[in-house]
N, C-alpha and C. Protein backbone atom coordinates (compact mmCIF):
# COMPACT_ATOMS: atom_id res chain seq x y z
N MET A 1 164.67 88.63 -55.26
CA MET A 1 164.60 90.25 -56.21
C MET A 1 163.48 90.62 -56.86
N THR A 2 163.24 91.47 -56.18
CA THR A 2 162.03 92.36 -56.82
C THR A 2 162.30 92.84 -57.79
N MET A 3 161.63 93.41 -58.99
CA MET A 3 161.22 94.26 -60.29
C MET A 3 161.61 95.82 -60.03
N SER A 4 162.10 96.48 -59.12
CA SER A 4 163.23 97.27 -59.07
C SER A 4 164.06 97.16 -59.31
N ASP A 5 165.17 95.92 -58.66
CA ASP A 5 166.29 95.56 -58.94
C ASP A 5 166.37 95.31 -60.83
N PRO A 6 167.91 96.42 -61.06
CA PRO A 6 167.78 96.22 -61.98
C PRO A 6 167.77 95.06 -63.29
N ASN A 7 168.65 94.27 -62.35
CA ASN A 7 169.03 92.81 -62.76
C ASN A 7 167.86 92.06 -63.21
N ALA A 8 166.84 92.07 -62.04
CA ALA A 8 165.48 91.35 -62.51
C ALA A 8 164.76 92.45 -63.43
N VAL A 9 165.01 93.87 -63.64
CA VAL A 9 164.14 94.09 -64.66
C VAL A 9 164.92 93.72 -66.83
N TYR A 10 166.09 93.81 -66.24
CA TYR A 10 167.02 92.88 -67.88
C TYR A 10 166.53 91.69 -68.12
N GLU A 11 166.70 90.85 -66.81
CA GLU A 11 165.87 89.52 -67.06
C GLU A 11 165.00 89.93 -67.85
N ALA A 12 163.60 90.31 -67.08
CA ALA A 12 162.29 90.15 -67.58
C ALA A 12 162.21 90.65 -69.01
N VAL A 13 162.58 91.89 -69.27
CA VAL A 13 162.59 93.19 -70.52
C VAL A 13 163.78 91.53 -71.46
N GLN A 14 164.56 91.27 -71.14
CA GLN A 14 165.14 90.80 -72.04
C GLN A 14 164.28 89.17 -72.67
N SER A 15 163.46 88.79 -71.54
CA SER A 15 162.97 87.71 -72.25
C SER A 15 161.96 87.51 -73.52
N GLN A 16 161.59 89.24 -73.20
CA GLN A 16 160.12 89.55 -74.36
C GLN A 16 160.40 90.08 -75.50
N LEU A 17 161.59 90.43 -75.66
CA LEU A 17 162.22 90.91 -76.66
C LEU A 17 161.89 89.74 -78.20
N LYS A 18 161.87 90.07 -78.83
CA LYS A 18 161.76 89.07 -79.87
C LYS A 18 162.93 89.14 -80.49
N SER A 19 164.14 89.95 -81.56
CA SER A 19 164.72 90.11 -82.59
C SER A 19 166.11 89.92 -81.55
N ALA A 20 167.11 89.39 -82.34
CA ALA A 20 168.15 88.86 -81.48
C ALA A 20 168.79 90.88 -81.44
N ARG A 21 168.55 91.55 -82.66
CA ARG A 21 169.24 92.82 -82.59
C ARG A 21 168.71 93.75 -81.73
N SER A 22 167.46 93.70 -80.72
CA SER A 22 167.11 94.16 -79.53
C SER A 22 167.40 93.92 -78.64
N ARG A 23 167.70 92.31 -78.06
CA ARG A 23 168.78 91.93 -76.84
C ARG A 23 169.89 92.51 -76.88
N LYS A 24 170.52 92.46 -78.20
CA LYS A 24 172.23 93.14 -78.05
C LYS A 24 171.81 94.13 -77.90
N SER A 25 171.28 95.48 -78.06
CA SER A 25 170.89 96.55 -77.95
C SER A 25 170.84 96.61 -76.20
N LEU A 26 170.03 95.64 -75.77
CA LEU A 26 169.51 95.82 -74.42
C LEU A 26 170.72 95.47 -73.41
N GLU A 27 171.49 94.34 -73.52
CA GLU A 27 172.56 94.03 -72.95
C GLU A 27 174.00 95.13 -72.75
N SER A 28 174.01 95.97 -74.00
CA SER A 28 174.88 96.64 -74.40
C SER A 28 174.03 98.08 -73.38
N LEU A 29 173.09 98.33 -73.08
CA LEU A 29 172.31 99.41 -72.54
C LEU A 29 172.58 98.71 -70.62
N HIS A 30 172.27 98.23 -70.42
CA HIS A 30 172.72 97.10 -69.08
C HIS A 30 174.14 97.10 -68.85
N THR A 31 175.05 97.30 -69.47
CA THR A 31 176.47 96.82 -69.01
C THR A 31 176.59 98.50 -69.14
N VAL A 32 176.46 99.53 -69.86
CA VAL A 32 176.61 100.83 -69.96
C VAL A 32 175.98 101.47 -68.54
N CYS A 33 174.94 101.47 -67.98
CA CYS A 33 174.32 102.03 -66.67
C CYS A 33 174.74 100.88 -65.68
N LYS A 34 174.87 100.11 -65.74
CA LYS A 34 175.97 99.15 -64.29
C LYS A 34 177.10 99.86 -64.10
N GLU A 35 178.36 100.53 -65.36
CA GLU A 35 179.25 101.07 -65.09
C GLU A 35 179.22 102.40 -64.39
N LEU A 36 177.39 103.37 -65.04
CA LEU A 36 177.53 104.03 -64.54
C LEU A 36 177.12 104.38 -63.05
N PHE A 37 176.65 103.16 -62.55
CA PHE A 37 176.26 103.16 -60.74
C PHE A 37 177.61 103.16 -60.13
N GLU A 38 178.41 101.79 -61.12
CA GLU A 38 179.63 101.21 -59.96
C GLU A 38 180.79 102.43 -60.32
N SER A 39 180.65 103.60 -60.96
CA SER A 39 181.11 104.63 -60.38
C SER A 39 180.94 105.95 -59.80
N GLY A 40 179.31 105.52 -59.28
CA GLY A 40 179.04 106.42 -58.06
C GLY A 40 178.22 107.81 -58.96
N SER A 41 178.09 107.54 -60.30
CA SER A 41 177.03 108.53 -61.11
C SER A 41 176.10 108.47 -60.92
N VAL A 42 175.08 109.81 -60.83
CA VAL A 42 173.80 109.81 -60.87
C VAL A 42 173.31 110.22 -62.07
N ASP A 43 174.06 110.45 -62.61
CA ASP A 43 173.51 110.99 -63.61
C ASP A 43 173.34 109.94 -65.38
N PHE A 44 171.63 109.53 -65.20
CA PHE A 44 171.32 108.54 -65.75
C PHE A 44 170.17 109.55 -66.98
N LYS A 45 170.55 110.08 -68.05
CA LYS A 45 169.74 110.42 -68.33
C LYS A 45 169.97 110.10 -70.10
N ILE A 46 168.68 110.03 -70.38
CA ILE A 46 168.67 109.23 -71.79
C ILE A 46 170.00 109.75 -72.57
N THR A 47 170.05 110.94 -73.14
CA THR A 47 171.42 111.54 -74.22
C THR A 47 172.55 111.38 -73.01
N THR A 48 173.18 111.14 -71.97
CA THR A 48 174.18 110.59 -71.26
C THR A 48 174.21 109.21 -71.91
N ILE A 49 173.43 108.45 -71.43
CA ILE A 49 173.52 106.84 -71.75
C ILE A 49 173.61 106.52 -73.17
N ALA A 50 173.10 107.03 -74.14
CA ALA A 50 173.39 107.00 -75.52
C ALA A 50 174.47 107.19 -75.86
N ARG A 51 174.84 108.63 -75.59
CA ARG A 51 176.39 108.94 -75.62
C ARG A 51 177.27 107.86 -75.49
N LEU A 52 177.01 107.18 -73.86
CA LEU A 52 178.39 106.75 -73.61
C LEU A 52 177.97 105.35 -74.38
N GLY A 53 177.57 104.74 -74.44
CA GLY A 53 177.23 103.88 -75.47
C GLY A 53 177.08 104.04 -76.63
N ALA A 54 177.15 104.90 -77.80
CA ALA A 54 177.13 105.03 -79.09
C ALA A 54 177.83 104.07 -79.58
N SER A 55 178.93 103.52 -79.22
CA SER A 55 179.98 103.03 -80.03
C SER A 55 179.65 101.59 -79.16
N ARG A 56 179.10 100.66 -78.49
CA ARG A 56 178.83 99.77 -77.66
C ARG A 56 177.58 98.99 -78.40
N GLY A 57 176.41 99.72 -79.01
CA GLY A 57 175.71 98.83 -79.36
C GLY A 57 174.22 99.09 -79.02
N VAL A 58 174.34 100.53 -78.20
CA VAL A 58 173.18 101.18 -77.18
C VAL A 58 172.53 101.95 -78.30
N PRO A 59 171.34 102.51 -78.59
CA PRO A 59 170.37 102.66 -79.20
C PRO A 59 170.57 104.04 -78.91
N GLY A 60 170.33 105.19 -80.02
CA GLY A 60 169.91 106.14 -80.11
C GLY A 60 169.49 107.35 -79.06
N ALA A 61 169.37 108.18 -78.77
CA ALA A 61 168.38 109.05 -77.66
C ALA A 61 167.21 108.92 -77.76
N GLN A 62 167.03 109.07 -79.10
CA GLN A 62 165.65 109.26 -80.08
C GLN A 62 164.62 108.01 -79.92
N THR A 63 165.66 107.43 -80.09
CA THR A 63 165.25 105.92 -80.42
C THR A 63 164.62 105.30 -78.94
N ILE A 64 165.38 105.76 -78.21
CA ILE A 64 164.90 105.24 -76.74
C ILE A 64 163.95 105.58 -75.82
N ARG A 65 163.33 106.91 -76.60
CA ARG A 65 162.51 107.64 -76.56
C ARG A 65 161.27 106.93 -76.99
N ASN A 66 161.20 106.67 -78.05
CA ASN A 66 160.05 106.55 -78.82
C ASN A 66 159.30 105.52 -77.90
N LYS A 67 157.63 105.33 -78.78
CA LYS A 67 157.76 104.25 -78.06
C LYS A 67 157.74 102.68 -78.00
N THR A 68 158.61 102.61 -79.35
CA THR A 68 159.13 100.81 -78.82
C THR A 68 160.46 100.77 -78.10
N GLY A 69 160.76 102.13 -77.22
CA GLY A 69 161.91 102.20 -76.56
C GLY A 69 161.55 101.65 -75.57
N GLU A 70 160.36 101.47 -74.99
CA GLU A 70 159.69 101.62 -73.31
C GLU A 70 160.49 100.54 -72.66
N PRO A 71 161.08 99.00 -73.40
CA PRO A 71 162.41 98.37 -72.18
C PRO A 71 163.13 99.04 -72.00
N TYR A 72 163.71 99.84 -72.80
CA TYR A 72 165.25 100.32 -73.14
C TYR A 72 164.76 101.38 -71.33
N ARG A 73 164.08 102.27 -71.57
CA ARG A 73 163.25 103.26 -70.17
C ARG A 73 163.17 102.57 -68.81
N ALA A 74 162.95 101.60 -69.07
CA ALA A 74 162.45 100.84 -68.00
C ALA A 74 163.34 100.12 -67.13
N LEU A 75 164.89 100.07 -68.12
CA LEU A 75 165.46 99.34 -67.54
C LEU A 75 166.62 100.67 -66.72
N ILE A 76 166.73 101.83 -67.80
CA ILE A 76 167.49 103.08 -67.10
C ILE A 76 167.23 103.29 -66.13
N GLU A 77 165.24 103.70 -65.59
CA GLU A 77 164.74 103.55 -64.84
C GLU A 77 165.13 102.83 -63.12
N ALA A 78 164.69 101.56 -63.61
CA ALA A 78 165.85 101.05 -62.56
C ALA A 78 166.48 101.49 -62.24
N TRP A 79 168.02 101.49 -63.31
CA TRP A 79 169.13 101.68 -63.15
C TRP A 79 169.31 103.07 -61.89
N ARG A 80 168.47 104.02 -62.18
CA ARG A 80 168.33 105.29 -61.86
C ARG A 80 167.55 105.22 -60.50
N GLU A 81 166.83 104.54 -59.92
CA GLU A 81 166.82 104.67 -58.95
C GLU A 81 166.92 103.96 -57.47
N LEU A 82 167.89 103.17 -58.21
CA LEU A 82 168.97 102.21 -57.28
C LEU A 82 170.16 103.06 -57.01
N SER A 83 170.48 103.69 -57.69
CA SER A 83 171.84 104.85 -57.84
C SER A 83 171.30 105.81 -56.89
N HIS A 84 169.88 106.53 -57.14
CA HIS A 84 169.42 107.37 -56.05
C HIS A 84 169.60 106.67 -54.84
N LYS A 85 168.96 105.06 -54.26
CA LYS A 85 168.52 105.21 -52.91
C LYS A 85 170.32 104.45 -52.72
N LYS A 86 171.57 104.41 -53.17
CA LYS A 86 172.85 104.83 -52.92
C LYS A 86 173.20 105.46 -52.66
N ASN A 87 172.84 106.79 -53.16
CA ASN A 87 173.39 107.80 -52.97
C ASN A 87 172.76 108.76 -51.64
N ARG A 88 171.74 108.27 -51.38
CA ARG A 88 170.65 108.93 -50.09
C ARG A 88 171.34 107.63 -49.00
N LYS A 89 171.56 106.54 -49.33
CA LYS A 89 172.13 105.61 -47.81
C LYS A 89 173.70 106.41 -47.44
N SER A 90 174.31 106.48 -48.53
CA SER A 90 175.49 107.69 -48.20
C SER A 90 175.77 108.97 -47.83
N ALA A 91 174.65 109.68 -48.31
CA ALA A 91 174.85 110.76 -47.98
C ALA A 91 174.18 111.04 -46.53
N ALA A 92 173.43 109.69 -46.06
CA ALA A 92 172.66 109.74 -44.88
C ALA A 92 173.56 109.88 -43.58
N LYS A 93 174.78 108.51 -43.89
CA LYS A 93 175.93 108.43 -43.10
C LYS A 93 176.77 109.38 -42.61
N SER A 94 176.98 110.22 -44.27
CA SER A 94 178.36 111.41 -44.20
C SER A 94 177.39 112.28 -43.33
N VAL A 95 176.33 112.55 -42.63
CA VAL A 95 176.23 114.04 -42.05
C VAL A 95 175.94 113.38 -40.42
N ARG A 96 176.20 112.37 -40.29
CA ARG A 96 176.13 111.58 -38.86
C ARG A 96 177.54 111.98 -37.65
N GLY A 97 176.83 112.58 -37.63
CA GLY A 97 178.95 113.10 -36.58
C GLY A 97 178.38 114.57 -36.16
N LYS A 98 178.46 115.32 -36.86
CA LYS A 98 178.40 116.36 -36.79
C LYS A 98 176.40 116.57 -36.51
N HIS A 99 175.95 116.19 -36.70
CA HIS A 99 174.40 115.95 -36.70
C HIS A 99 173.92 115.08 -35.73
N ASP A 100 174.83 114.87 -34.61
CA ASP A 100 174.29 113.35 -34.06
C ASP A 100 173.27 113.29 -33.50
N TRP A 101 172.54 114.76 -33.20
CA TRP A 101 171.36 115.37 -32.58
C TRP A 101 170.00 114.67 -33.31
N VAL A 102 170.41 114.29 -34.40
CA VAL A 102 169.32 113.79 -35.13
C VAL A 102 168.91 112.33 -34.42
N ASP A 103 169.69 111.95 -33.80
CA ASP A 103 169.62 110.24 -33.26
C ASP A 103 168.35 110.70 -32.41
N GLU A 104 168.34 111.86 -31.59
CA GLU A 104 167.33 111.84 -30.81
C GLU A 104 165.99 112.48 -31.16
N LEU A 105 165.81 112.19 -32.38
CA LEU A 105 164.39 112.49 -32.84
C LEU A 105 163.52 111.16 -32.50
N GLN A 106 162.51 111.00 -31.83
CA GLN A 106 161.49 109.87 -31.53
C GLN A 106 161.27 108.99 -32.64
N ASN A 107 160.78 109.93 -33.77
CA ASN A 107 159.83 109.54 -34.74
C ASN A 107 161.13 108.93 -35.92
N PRO A 108 160.89 107.92 -36.11
CA PRO A 108 162.02 107.31 -37.10
C PRO A 108 162.30 107.58 -38.47
N ALA A 109 160.58 108.26 -38.66
CA ALA A 109 160.42 108.92 -40.60
C ALA A 109 160.86 110.14 -39.66
N HIS A 110 160.89 111.18 -39.29
CA HIS A 110 161.65 112.40 -38.94
C HIS A 110 162.90 112.42 -39.03
N ARG A 111 163.44 111.51 -38.55
CA ARG A 111 164.70 111.20 -38.31
C ARG A 111 165.45 110.94 -40.01
N PHE A 112 165.14 110.01 -40.36
CA PHE A 112 165.48 109.94 -41.78
C PHE A 112 164.80 111.20 -43.02
N LEU A 113 163.93 111.55 -42.60
CA LEU A 113 163.44 113.04 -43.20
C LEU A 113 164.66 114.18 -43.31
N VAL A 114 164.94 114.03 -41.56
CA VAL A 114 166.00 115.34 -41.62
C VAL A 114 167.30 114.63 -41.82
N LEU A 115 167.84 113.59 -42.48
CA LEU A 115 169.10 113.37 -42.85
C LEU A 115 168.74 113.48 -44.09
N ASP A 116 168.44 112.89 -44.43
CA ASP A 116 167.77 113.36 -46.62
C ASP A 116 167.92 114.54 -46.71
N LEU A 117 167.34 115.87 -45.81
CA LEU A 117 167.23 116.60 -45.94
C LEU A 117 168.30 117.32 -46.11
N ILE A 118 169.14 117.05 -45.12
CA ILE A 118 170.47 117.79 -44.61
C ILE A 118 171.45 117.78 -45.74
N ALA A 119 171.28 116.28 -46.43
CA ALA A 119 172.03 115.41 -47.27
C ALA A 119 171.74 116.48 -48.95
N GLN A 120 170.62 116.69 -48.63
CA GLN A 120 170.15 117.71 -49.90
C GLN A 120 170.49 118.36 -50.17
N VAL A 121 170.36 119.49 -49.37
CA VAL A 121 171.26 121.04 -48.62
C VAL A 121 172.75 121.27 -49.25
N ARG A 122 172.97 120.11 -48.58
CA ARG A 122 174.76 119.89 -48.93
C ARG A 122 175.31 120.08 -50.61
N HIS A 123 173.74 118.75 -50.86
CA HIS A 123 174.58 118.91 -52.86
C HIS A 123 173.81 120.31 -53.32
N LEU A 124 172.84 121.16 -52.60
CA LEU A 124 172.50 121.93 -53.23
C LEU A 124 173.81 123.04 -53.30
N ARG A 125 174.21 123.11 -52.34
CA ARG A 125 175.32 124.31 -52.02
C ARG A 125 176.60 123.90 -52.54
N ALA A 126 176.65 122.52 -52.71
CA ALA A 126 177.79 122.14 -53.77
C ALA A 126 177.34 122.69 -55.37
N GLU A 127 175.99 122.18 -55.32
CA GLU A 127 175.68 122.70 -57.05
C GLU A 127 175.92 124.31 -57.56
N ASN A 128 175.43 124.95 -55.92
CA ASN A 128 175.82 126.35 -56.35
C ASN A 128 177.22 126.87 -56.58
N GLN A 129 178.13 126.52 -55.53
CA GLN A 129 179.31 126.39 -56.01
C GLN A 129 179.82 126.18 -57.57
N ARG A 130 179.18 125.66 -57.97
CA ARG A 130 179.67 125.01 -59.48
C ARG A 130 179.14 125.86 -60.36
N TYR A 131 177.53 125.99 -59.51
CA TYR A 131 177.78 127.31 -60.79
C TYR A 131 178.48 128.98 -61.00
N ALA A 132 178.51 129.17 -59.69
CA ALA A 132 179.40 130.36 -59.44
C ALA A 132 180.62 130.13 -60.22
N SER A 133 181.16 128.85 -60.41
CA SER A 133 182.56 129.52 -60.55
C SER A 133 181.99 129.34 -62.37
N ILE A 134 181.16 129.28 -63.04
CA ILE A 134 181.09 129.59 -64.66
C ILE A 134 180.96 131.07 -64.98
N THR A 135 182.05 131.23 -66.06
CA THR A 135 182.31 132.84 -66.12
C THR A 135 182.05 133.35 -67.57
N GLN A 136 181.48 131.88 -68.82
CA GLN A 136 181.39 132.53 -69.65
C GLN A 136 180.40 131.45 -70.10
N LEU A 137 179.14 132.15 -70.51
CA LEU A 137 178.39 130.85 -71.54
C LEU A 137 178.22 131.24 -72.80
N LYS A 138 178.45 130.25 -73.54
CA LYS A 138 178.26 129.93 -75.52
C LYS A 138 176.82 129.89 -76.01
N ILE A 139 176.64 130.87 -76.84
CA ILE A 139 175.43 130.29 -77.22
C ILE A 139 175.63 130.93 -78.69
N ASP A 140 175.26 129.51 -79.11
CA ASP A 140 175.18 129.51 -81.11
C ASP A 140 173.81 130.18 -81.51
N CYS A 141 174.34 131.65 -82.09
CA CYS A 141 172.89 132.41 -82.33
C CYS A 141 173.23 132.20 -84.31
N ARG A 142 174.31 130.93 -84.80
CA ARG A 142 173.73 130.67 -86.38
C ARG A 142 172.36 130.85 -86.91
N ALA A 143 171.64 131.14 -88.17
CA ALA A 143 170.52 131.32 -88.49
C ALA A 143 170.70 129.81 -88.55
N GLY A 144 169.34 129.32 -88.35
CA GLY A 144 168.79 128.02 -88.82
C GLY A 144 169.58 126.76 -87.37
N SER A 145 170.50 127.15 -86.59
CA SER A 145 171.23 126.12 -85.69
C SER A 145 169.92 125.76 -84.76
N GLU A 146 169.77 124.62 -84.09
CA GLU A 146 168.51 124.25 -83.08
C GLU A 146 169.47 124.11 -82.11
N ALA A 147 170.10 124.74 -81.04
CA ALA A 147 171.34 123.80 -80.44
C ALA A 147 170.21 123.60 -78.90
N VAL A 148 170.27 122.62 -78.63
CA VAL A 148 170.02 121.77 -77.13
C VAL A 148 170.55 121.74 -75.73
N VAL A 149 169.85 122.75 -75.06
CA VAL A 149 170.22 123.00 -73.72
C VAL A 149 170.07 122.13 -73.04
N GLU A 150 170.85 121.17 -72.22
CA GLU A 150 170.69 120.17 -71.21
C GLU A 150 170.12 121.10 -69.68
N PRO A 151 168.69 120.47 -69.27
CA PRO A 151 169.07 121.50 -67.90
C PRO A 151 170.02 120.92 -66.63
N GLN A 152 170.52 121.87 -66.33
CA GLN A 152 171.65 121.65 -65.45
C GLN A 152 171.22 121.10 -63.96
N LEU A 153 169.85 121.63 -63.42
CA LEU A 153 169.24 121.55 -62.19
C LEU A 153 169.57 120.14 -61.98
N PRO A 154 169.48 119.64 -60.89
CA PRO A 154 169.19 117.95 -60.61
C PRO A 154 167.53 117.95 -60.40
N HIS A 155 166.95 116.79 -60.61
CA HIS A 155 165.80 116.20 -61.24
C HIS A 155 165.41 115.52 -60.28
N PHE A 156 164.09 116.32 -59.33
CA PHE A 156 163.26 116.51 -58.22
C PHE A 156 162.48 115.24 -58.46
N LEU A 157 162.59 114.04 -57.83
CA LEU A 157 161.02 113.29 -57.51
C LEU A 157 159.94 114.11 -56.64
N GLU A 158 158.66 113.28 -57.33
CA GLU A 158 158.01 114.24 -56.30
C GLU A 158 157.66 113.91 -54.81
N TYR A 159 158.03 112.72 -54.45
CA TYR A 159 158.69 112.27 -52.98
C TYR A 159 159.22 113.43 -52.36
N GLU A 160 160.39 113.94 -53.24
CA GLU A 160 161.47 114.50 -52.76
C GLU A 160 161.04 115.83 -52.47
N ILE A 161 160.42 116.12 -53.56
CA ILE A 161 159.74 117.73 -53.31
C ILE A 161 158.61 117.67 -52.58
N ASP A 162 157.86 117.06 -51.78
CA ASP A 162 157.15 116.61 -50.37
C ASP A 162 157.58 117.29 -49.65
N ALA A 163 158.85 115.95 -49.37
CA ALA A 163 159.61 116.08 -48.33
C ALA A 163 160.49 117.19 -47.92
N LEU A 164 161.08 117.82 -49.22
CA LEU A 164 161.42 119.65 -49.15
C LEU A 164 160.51 120.19 -48.29
N LYS A 165 158.86 120.56 -49.17
CA LYS A 165 157.83 120.72 -48.26
C LYS A 165 157.59 120.98 -46.83
N GLU A 166 157.53 119.35 -46.30
CA GLU A 166 157.59 119.05 -44.93
C GLU A 166 158.59 120.29 -44.29
N ALA A 167 159.86 119.97 -44.48
CA ALA A 167 161.04 120.07 -43.38
C ALA A 167 160.74 121.76 -43.65
N VAL A 168 160.53 122.59 -44.52
CA VAL A 168 160.18 124.22 -44.26
C VAL A 168 158.64 124.38 -43.60
N SER A 169 157.87 123.32 -43.53
CA SER A 169 156.51 123.81 -43.00
C SER A 169 156.62 124.30 -41.37
N ASP A 170 155.78 125.19 -41.05
CA ASP A 170 155.78 125.56 -40.07
C ASP A 170 155.40 124.20 -38.52
N GLU A 171 154.55 123.39 -39.35
CA GLU A 171 153.54 122.21 -38.48
C GLU A 171 154.88 121.45 -37.86
N PHE A 172 155.95 121.25 -39.24
CA PHE A 172 156.84 120.24 -39.02
C PHE A 172 157.90 120.70 -37.33
N LEU A 173 158.43 122.17 -37.86
CA LEU A 173 159.16 123.16 -36.74
C LEU A 173 158.60 122.74 -35.55
N ALA A 174 157.60 123.44 -35.43
CA ALA A 174 156.45 122.89 -34.38
C ALA A 174 156.31 122.18 -32.95
N ARG A 175 156.67 120.84 -34.22
CA ARG A 175 156.21 119.66 -33.97
C ARG A 175 157.53 118.65 -32.93
N GLN A 176 159.05 119.68 -33.54
CA GLN A 176 160.00 119.41 -33.36
C GLN A 176 160.57 120.37 -31.97
N GLY A 177 159.67 121.67 -31.99
CA GLY A 177 160.04 122.13 -31.00
C GLY A 177 160.75 123.37 -31.69
N TRP A 178 161.10 123.72 -32.47
CA TRP A 178 161.96 124.44 -33.60
C TRP A 178 161.24 125.74 -33.76
N VAL A 179 161.92 127.23 -33.89
CA VAL A 179 161.25 128.30 -34.60
C VAL A 179 161.89 128.62 -35.29
N ARG A 180 161.35 129.25 -36.57
CA ARG A 180 162.84 130.40 -37.45
C ARG A 180 163.16 131.62 -36.88
N GLY A 181 163.87 131.46 -37.54
CA GLY A 181 165.27 132.52 -37.16
C GLY A 181 165.68 133.26 -38.23
N PRO A 182 166.50 134.17 -37.95
CA PRO A 182 166.90 135.57 -38.57
C PRO A 182 167.61 134.83 -39.81
N HIS A 183 167.59 135.18 -41.19
CA HIS A 183 168.49 134.69 -42.23
C HIS A 183 168.04 133.45 -42.47
N GLY A 184 166.99 132.68 -42.08
CA GLY A 184 166.98 131.56 -42.63
C GLY A 184 167.38 130.14 -41.60
N LYS A 185 168.02 130.97 -40.91
CA LYS A 185 167.95 129.79 -39.54
C LYS A 185 167.13 128.73 -38.82
N VAL A 186 167.49 127.56 -38.38
CA VAL A 186 166.09 127.16 -37.61
C VAL A 186 166.79 127.28 -35.96
N ILE A 187 166.06 127.37 -35.32
CA ILE A 187 166.92 127.40 -33.83
C ILE A 187 166.03 126.54 -33.09
N GLY A 188 166.39 126.25 -31.85
CA GLY A 188 165.60 124.58 -31.47
C GLY A 188 165.48 125.44 -30.05
N VAL A 189 165.39 124.56 -29.08
CA VAL A 189 165.30 124.66 -27.25
C VAL A 189 166.16 125.50 -26.64
N ASN A 190 166.26 126.56 -26.25
CA ASN A 190 167.14 126.94 -25.51
C ASN A 190 168.28 127.91 -26.39
N GLY A 191 167.54 128.24 -27.29
CA GLY A 191 168.21 128.92 -28.52
C GLY A 191 169.03 128.37 -29.54
N MET A 192 169.43 126.99 -29.06
CA MET A 192 170.76 126.37 -29.83
C MET A 192 170.29 126.50 -31.23
N THR A 193 171.13 126.75 -32.28
CA THR A 193 170.94 126.87 -33.55
C THR A 193 170.78 125.02 -34.19
N ILE A 194 169.89 124.83 -34.37
CA ILE A 194 169.44 123.12 -35.62
C ILE A 194 170.21 123.40 -36.94
N PHE A 195 170.24 124.51 -37.85
CA PHE A 195 170.24 124.45 -39.06
C PHE A 195 170.73 125.90 -38.76
N SER A 196 171.87 126.08 -39.78
CA SER A 196 172.47 127.73 -39.76
C SER A 196 171.95 128.74 -40.61
N ASN A 197 172.75 129.78 -40.93
CA ASN A 197 171.95 130.86 -41.84
C ASN A 197 171.73 130.23 -43.09
N GLY A 198 170.69 130.89 -43.59
CA GLY A 198 170.03 130.24 -45.03
C GLY A 198 169.91 128.57 -45.58
N TYR A 199 169.61 127.91 -44.65
CA TYR A 199 168.90 126.37 -44.23
C TYR A 199 167.44 126.85 -45.01
N LEU A 200 166.83 127.50 -44.60
CA LEU A 200 165.26 127.99 -44.65
C LEU A 200 164.61 128.47 -46.03
N ASN A 201 166.33 129.26 -46.46
CA ASN A 201 165.98 130.11 -47.60
C ASN A 201 166.36 128.87 -48.63
N ALA A 202 167.25 128.48 -48.58
CA ALA A 202 168.03 127.91 -50.01
C ALA A 202 166.70 126.84 -50.14
N ILE A 203 166.02 125.77 -49.02
CA ILE A 203 164.78 125.05 -49.94
C ILE A 203 164.19 125.35 -50.44
N GLU A 204 163.41 126.63 -49.92
CA GLU A 204 162.87 127.74 -50.50
C GLU A 204 162.63 128.06 -51.85
N LYS A 205 163.62 128.20 -52.15
CA LYS A 205 164.35 128.77 -53.16
C LYS A 205 164.25 127.38 -54.32
N VAL A 206 164.53 126.39 -53.47
CA VAL A 206 164.25 125.32 -54.75
C VAL A 206 163.19 124.89 -54.84
N LEU A 207 161.72 125.01 -54.07
CA LEU A 207 160.88 124.63 -54.26
C LEU A 207 159.95 125.47 -55.19
N SER A 208 160.89 127.47 -55.69
CA SER A 208 160.08 128.47 -55.80
C SER A 208 160.64 128.00 -57.54
N LEU A 209 161.32 126.88 -57.95
CA LEU A 209 161.89 126.32 -59.36
C LEU A 209 160.35 125.55 -59.91
N ASN A 210 160.64 125.69 -60.96
CA ASN A 210 159.66 124.95 -62.08
C ASN A 210 159.65 123.30 -61.76
N HIS A 211 159.48 122.19 -61.38
CA HIS A 211 159.53 121.12 -61.19
C HIS A 211 159.15 120.54 -61.99
N GLY A 212 158.32 121.24 -63.33
CA GLY A 212 157.59 119.83 -63.64
C GLY A 212 158.38 119.01 -64.92
């Protein structure tokens, strides 16, 4: 069991907490995160977890963000990482079949990179369709109100951004024997379409966003 494993993190942190109340709060948070993970959710934002566990002894969002909330944040991060790994593996399996040609790539790192990118593009397309269905946006303009708007775009880790940059780089395409086609498509040897229209455009739009 590694320290990236949520159960190992939980046990390590639990043993360091001195107050019974803190240990109970950590236990409640651990349970809520486990339920989120088992449901297939990737939403491990502090506000989400605090809201779901409000009636079960989970500390409030601000308490978790405070300096004293570091043990809670460590446990949440461990569950978040495990969830991302699980979903990346599931996504990679789901794209096989239609993209069997990926298995022909000799470099194992390149095979994983391409499968991961295909899965991310599919996720972005689904997100785009969801945003397109929004027809009304309600904004509270009352004097003195301080509405908090949760960011709706998915959070990308630094290595995921690097992977996206690599996927659309001319160097990577050249190594595979691919070229940029019209409308953001990727063309392989003998004019075979590797990625259809919009693939390169979609990734470059994501990279243009502020991920700070």
